[in-house]
């Protein structure tokens, strides 16, 4: 969930940065999108680890 919020926030920032030709805002958007994807990967790995531990 947190990853999705960061991804959306990043998409909006990047789009606004492109519309206004603001390089800093475009970079912030890219960073937010990447952070969102990383959070999603970590959350999925944690969920998978929990499932494996429950089976034991």
PDB file of N, CA and C in Angstrom:
ATOM      1  N   UNK A   1       0.818  -1.188   0.000  1.00  0.00           N
ATOM      2  CA  UNK A   1       0.000   0.000   0.000  1.00  0.00           C
ATOM      3  C   UNK A   1       0.863   1.254   0.000  1.00  0.00           C
ATOM      4  N   UNK A   2       1.863   1.302   0.869  1.00  0.00           N
ATOM      5  CA  UNK A   2       2.728   2.488   0.925  1.00  0.00           C
ATOM      6  C   UNK A   2       3.492   2.648  -0.382  1.00  0.00           C
ATOM      7  N   UNK A   3       3.871   1.537  -0.971  1.00  0.00           N
ATOM      8  CA  UNK A   3       4.579   1.595  -2.245  1.00  0.00           C
ATOM      9  C   UNK A   3       3.719   2.172  -3.354  1.00  0.00           C
ATOM     10  N   UNK A   4       2.447   1.817  -3.342  1.00  0.00           N
ATOM     11  CA  UNK A   4       1.534   2.341  -4.360  1.00  0.00           C
ATOM     12  C   UNK A   4       1.349   3.852  -4.215  1.00  0.00           C
ATOM     13  N   UNK A   5       1.291   4.309  -2.982  1.00  0.00           N
ATOM     14  CA  UNK A   5       1.129   5.750  -2.740  1.00  0.00           C
ATOM     15  C   UNK A   5       2.359   6.505  -3.244  1.00  0.00           C
ATOM     16  N   UNK A   6       3.548   5.988  -2.945  1.00  0.00           N
ATOM     17  CA  UNK A   6       4.770   6.636  -3.427  1.00  0.00           C
ATOM     18  C   UNK A   6       4.829   6.617  -4.952  1.00  0.00           C
ATOM     19  N   UNK A   7       4.403   5.522  -5.542  1.00  0.00           N
ATOM     20  CA  UNK A   7       4.418   5.419  -7.000  1.00  0.00           C
ATOM     21  C   UNK A   7       3.495   6.468  -7.624  1.00  0.00           C
ATOM     22  N   UNK A   8       2.304   6.592  -7.085  1.00  0.00           N
ATOM     23  CA  UNK A   8       1.349   7.578  -7.604  1.00  0.00           C
ATOM     24  C   UNK A   8       1.883   8.997  -7.400  1.00  0.00           C
ATOM     25  N   UNK A   9       2.405   9.251  -6.207  1.00  0.00           N
ATOM     26  CA  UNK A   9       2.969  10.568  -5.906  1.00  0.00           C
ATOM     27  C   UNK A   9       4.104  10.885  -6.882  1.00  0.00           C
ATOM     28  N   UNK A  10       4.927   9.892  -7.173  1.00  0.00           N
ATOM     29  CA  UNK A  10       6.025  10.083  -8.106  1.00  0.00           C
ATOM     30  C   UNK A  10       5.552  10.364  -9.518  1.00  0.00           C
ATOM     31  N   UNK A  11       4.521   9.655  -9.934  1.00  0.00           N
ATOM     32  CA  UNK A  11       3.973   9.887 -11.274  1.00  0.00           C
ATOM     33  C   UNK A  11       3.437  11.309 -11.419  1.00  0.00           C
ATOM     34  N   UNK A  12       2.755  11.774 -10.362  1.00  0.00           N
ATOM     35  CA  UNK A  12       2.196  13.125 -10.401  1.00  0.00           C
ATOM     36  C   UNK A  12       3.323  14.165 -10.434  1.00  0.00           C
ATOM     37  N   UNK A  13       4.303  13.994  -9.562  1.00  0.00           N
ATOM     38  CA  UNK A  13       5.414  14.943  -9.536  1.00  0.00           C
ATOM     39  C   UNK A  13       6.137  14.983 -10.883  1.00  0.00           C
ATOM     40  N   UNK A  14       6.385  13.819 -11.433  1.00  0.00           N
ATOM     41  CA  UNK A  14       7.096  13.760 -12.703  1.00  0.00           C
ATOM     42  C   UNK A  14       6.285  14.429 -13.806  1.00  0.00           C
ATOM     43  N   UNK A  15       4.983  14.179 -13.836  1.00  0.00           N
ATOM     44  CA  UNK A  15       4.129  14.787 -14.857  1.00  0.00           C
ATOM     45  C   UNK A  15       4.103  16.309 -14.724  1.00  0.00           C
ATOM     46  N   UNK A  16       3.976  16.792 -13.488  1.00  0.00           N
ATOM     47  CA  UNK A  16       3.972  18.238 -13.265  1.00  0.00           C
ATOM     48  C   UNK A  16       5.328  18.825 -13.645  1.00  0.00           C
ATOM     49  N   UNK A  17       6.388  18.125 -13.306  1.00  0.00           N
ATOM     50  CA  UNK A  17       7.724  18.582 -13.666  1.00  0.00           C
ATOM     51  C   UNK A  17       7.914  18.673 -15.162  1.00  0.00           C
ATOM     52  N   UNK A  18       7.345  17.716 -15.885  1.00  0.00           N
ATOM     53  CA  UNK A  18       7.443  17.751 -17.341  1.00  0.00           C
ATOM     54  C   UNK A  18       6.614  18.894 -17.922  1.00  0.00           C
ATOM     55  N   UNK A  19       5.453  19.137 -17.343  1.00  0.00           N
ATOM     56  CA  UNK A  19       4.606  20.225 -17.831  1.00  0.00           C
ATOM     57  C   UNK A  19       5.223  21.593 -17.577  1.00  0.00           C
ATOM     58  N   UNK A  20       5.888  21.719 -16.434  1.00  0.00           N
ATOM     59  CA  UNK A  20       6.456  23.012 -16.059  1.00  0.00           C
ATOM     60  C   UNK A  20       7.936  23.122 -16.409  1.00  0.00           C
ATOM     61  N   UNK A  21       8.492  22.071 -16.985  1.00  0.00           N
ATOM     62  CA  UNK A  21       9.918  22.011 -17.342  1.00  0.00           C
ATOM     63  C   UNK A  21      10.799  22.208 -16.103  1.00  0.00           C
ATOM     64  N   UNK A  22      10.387  21.590 -14.992  1.00  0.00           N
ATOM     65  CA  UNK A  22      11.104  21.667 -13.725  1.00  0.00           C
ATOM     66  C   UNK A  22      11.885  20.369 -13.532  1.00  0.00           C
ATOM     67  N   UNK A  23      13.188  20.432 -13.793  1.00  0.00           N
ATOM     68  CA  UNK A  23      14.014  19.229 -13.714  1.00  0.00           C
ATOM     69  C   UNK A  23      14.058  18.640 -12.307  1.00  0.00           C
ATOM     70  N   UNK A  24      14.089  19.489 -11.293  1.00  0.00           N
ATOM     71  CA  UNK A  24      14.132  19.000  -9.909  1.00  0.00           C
ATOM     72  C   UNK A  24      12.873  18.202  -9.578  1.00  0.00           C
ATOM     73  N   UNK A  25      11.739  18.698  -9.996  1.00  0.00           N
ATOM     74  CA  UNK A  25      10.476  18.012  -9.725  1.00  0.00           C
ATOM     75  C   UNK A  25      10.415  16.686 -10.491  1.00  0.00           C
ATOM     76  N   UNK A  26      10.929  16.665 -11.702  1.00  0.00           N
ATOM     77  CA  UNK A  26      10.969  15.416 -12.467  1.00  0.00           C
ATOM     78  C   UNK A  26      11.843  14.386 -11.744  1.00  0.00           C
ATOM     79  N   UNK A  27      12.985  14.830 -11.224  1.00  0.00           N
ATOM     80  CA  UNK A  27      13.874  13.911 -10.504  1.00  0.00           C
ATOM     81  C   UNK A  27      13.218  13.388  -9.231  1.00  0.00           C
ATOM     82  N   UNK A  28      12.551  14.290  -8.497  1.00  0.00           N
ATOM     83  CA  UNK A  28      11.851  13.861  -7.289  1.00  0.00           C
ATOM     84  C   UNK A  28      10.782  12.823  -7.629  1.00  0.00           C
ATOM     85  N   UNK A  29      10.103  13.031  -8.727  1.00  0.00           N
ATOM     86  CA  UNK A  29       9.082  12.076  -9.152  1.00  0.00           C
ATOM     87  C   UNK A  29       9.671  10.713  -9.450  1.00  0.00           C
ATOM     88  N   UNK A  30      10.806  10.725 -10.121  1.00  0.00           N
ATOM     89  CA  UNK A  30      11.473   9.464 -10.439  1.00  0.00           C
ATOM     90  C   UNK A  30      11.913   8.755  -9.162  1.00  0.00           C
ATOM     91  N   UNK A  31      12.470   9.500  -8.225  1.00  0.00           N
ATOM     92  CA  UNK A  31      12.905   8.911  -6.951  1.00  0.00           C
ATOM     93  C   UNK A  31      11.713   8.327  -6.197  1.00  0.00           C
ATOM     94  N   UNK A  32      10.603   9.045  -6.159  1.00  0.00           N
ATOM     95  CA  UNK A  32       9.408   8.545  -5.473  1.00  0.00           C
ATOM     96  C   UNK A  32       8.887   7.265  -6.123  1.00  0.00           C
ATOM     97  N   UNK A  33       8.894   7.228  -7.457  1.00  0.00           N
ATOM     98  CA  UNK A  33       8.423   6.024  -8.153  1.00  0.00           C
ATOM     99  C   UNK A  33       9.301   4.825  -7.807  1.00  0.00           C
ATOM    100  N   UNK A  34      10.610   5.028  -7.812  1.00  0.00           N
ATOM    101  CA  UNK A  34      11.534   3.934  -7.493  1.00  0.00           C
ATOM    102  C   UNK A  34      11.352   3.494  -6.046  1.00  0.00           C
ATOM    103  N   UNK A  35      11.196   4.460  -5.148  1.00  0.00           N
ATOM    104  CA  UNK A  35      10.982   4.123  -3.735  1.00  0.00           C
ATOM    105  C   UNK A  35       9.709   3.298  -3.574  1.00  0.00           C
ATOM    106  N   UNK A  36       8.680   3.644  -4.310  1.00  0.00           N
ATOM    107  CA  UNK A  36       7.438   2.886  -4.252  1.00  0.00           C
ATOM    108  C   UNK A  36       7.618   1.459  -4.714  1.00  0.00           C
ATOM    109  N   UNK A  37       8.369   1.283  -5.788  1.00  0.00           N
ATOM    110  CA  UNK A  37       8.607  -0.070  -6.292  1.00  0.00           C
ATOM    111  C   UNK A  37       9.436  -0.888  -5.312  1.00  0.00           C
ATOM    112  N   UNK A  38      10.430  -0.250  -4.686  1.00  0.00           N
ATOM    113  CA  UNK A  38      11.249  -0.954  -3.698  1.00  0.00           C
ATOM    114  C   UNK A  38      10.391  -1.383  -2.510  1.00  0.00           C
ATOM    115  N   UNK A  39       9.536  -0.489  -2.036  1.00  0.00           N
ATOM    116  CA  UNK A  39       8.656  -0.837  -0.915  1.00  0.00           C
ATOM    117  C   UNK A  39       7.752  -2.009  -1.267  1.00  0.00           C
ATOM    118  N   UNK A  40       7.248  -2.037  -2.494  1.00  0.00           N
ATOM    119  CA  UNK A  40       6.395  -3.145  -2.922  1.00  0.00           C
ATOM    120  C   UNK A  40       7.166  -4.464  -2.908  1.00  0.00           C
ATOM    121  N   UNK A  41       8.397  -4.443  -3.387  1.00  0.00           N
ATOM    122  CA  UNK A  41       9.214  -5.657  -3.418  1.00  0.00           C
ATOM    123  C   UNK A  41       9.499  -6.138  -1.998  1.00  0.00           C
ATOM    124  N   UNK A  42       9.837  -5.215  -1.111  1.00  0.00           N
ATOM    125  CA  UNK A  42      10.125  -5.581   0.275  1.00  0.00           C
ATOM    126  C   UNK A  42       8.873  -6.148   0.948  1.00  0.00           C
ATOM    127  N   UNK A  43       7.735  -5.525   0.713  1.00  0.00           N
ATOM    128  CA  UNK A  43       6.486  -6.019   1.299  1.00  0.00           C
ATOM    129  C   UNK A  43       6.154  -7.422   0.804  1.00  0.00           C
ATOM    130  N   UNK A  44       6.340  -7.663  -0.482  1.00  0.00           N
ATOM    131  CA  UNK A  44       6.059  -8.995  -1.028  1.00  0.00           C
ATOM    132  C   UNK A  44       7.006 -10.029  -0.443  1.00  0.00           C
ATOM    133  N   UNK A  45       8.279  -9.668  -0.296  1.00  0.00           N
ATOM    134  CA  UNK A  45       9.248 -10.599   0.278  1.00  0.00           C
ATOM    135  C   UNK A  45       8.904 -10.899   1.731  1.00  0.00           C
ATOM    136  N   UNK A  46       8.498  -9.881   2.470  1.00  0.00           N
ATOM    137  CA  UNK A  46       8.124 -10.091   3.873  1.00  0.00           C
ATOM    138  C   UNK A  46       6.893 -10.993   3.970  1.00  0.00           C
ATOM    139  N   UNK A  47       5.924 -10.766   3.110  1.00  0.00           N
ATOM    140  CA  UNK A  47       4.728 -11.619   3.109  1.00  0.00           C
ATOM    141  C   UNK A  47       5.084 -13.063   2.783  1.00  0.00           C
ATOM    142  N   UNK A  48       5.966 -13.237   1.824  1.00  0.00           N
ATOM    143  CA  UNK A  48       6.373 -14.590   1.441  1.00  0.00           C
ATOM    144  C   UNK A  48       7.109 -15.261   2.596  1.00  0.00           C
ATOM    145  N   UNK A  49       7.984 -14.518   3.278  1.00  0.00           N
ATOM    146  CA  UNK A  49       8.719 -15.074   4.411  1.00  0.00           C
ATOM    147  C   UNK A  49       7.753 -15.472   5.524  1.00  0.00           C
ATOM    148  N   UNK A  50       6.761 -14.642   5.776  1.00  0.00           N
ATOM    149  CA  UNK A  50       5.776 -14.975   6.802  1.00  0.00           C
ATOM    150  C   UNK A  50       5.017 -16.246   6.448  1.00  0.00           C
ATOM    151  N   UNK A  51       4.664 -16.414   5.173  1.00  0.00           N
ATOM    152  CA  UNK A  51       3.957 -17.611   4.737  1.00  0.00           C
ATOM    153  C   UNK A  51       4.811 -18.848   4.932  1.00  0.00           C
ATOM    154  N   UNK A  52       6.100 -18.724   4.613  1.00  0.00           N
ATOM    155  CA  UNK A  52       7.004 -19.866   4.764  1.00  0.00           C
ATOM    156  C   UNK A  52       7.140 -20.224   6.232  1.00  0.00           C
ATOM    157  N   UNK A  53       7.260 -19.238   7.077  1.00  0.00           N
ATOM    158  CA  UNK A  53       7.412 -19.499   8.515  1.00  0.00           C
ATOM    159  C   UNK A  53       6.171 -20.108   9.133  1.00  0.00           C
ATOM    160  N   UNK A  54       4.991 -19.734   8.625  1.00  0.00           N
ATOM    161  CA  UNK A  54       3.746 -20.290   9.144  1.00  0.00           C
ATOM    162  C   UNK A  54       3.601 -21.771   8.803  1.00  0.00           C
ATOM    163  N   UNK A  55       4.192 -22.196   7.685  1.00  0.00           N
ATOM    164  CA  UNK A  55       4.063 -23.588   7.260  1.00  0.00           C
ATOM    165  C   UNK A  55       4.859 -24.525   8.147  1.00  0.00           C
ATOM    166  N   UNK A  56       5.891 -24.002   8.808  1.00  0.00           N
ATOM    167  CA  UNK A  56       6.740 -24.859   9.654  1.00  0.00           C
ATOM    168  C   UNK A  56       6.124 -25.179  10.941  1.00  0.00           C
TER     169      UNK A  56
END
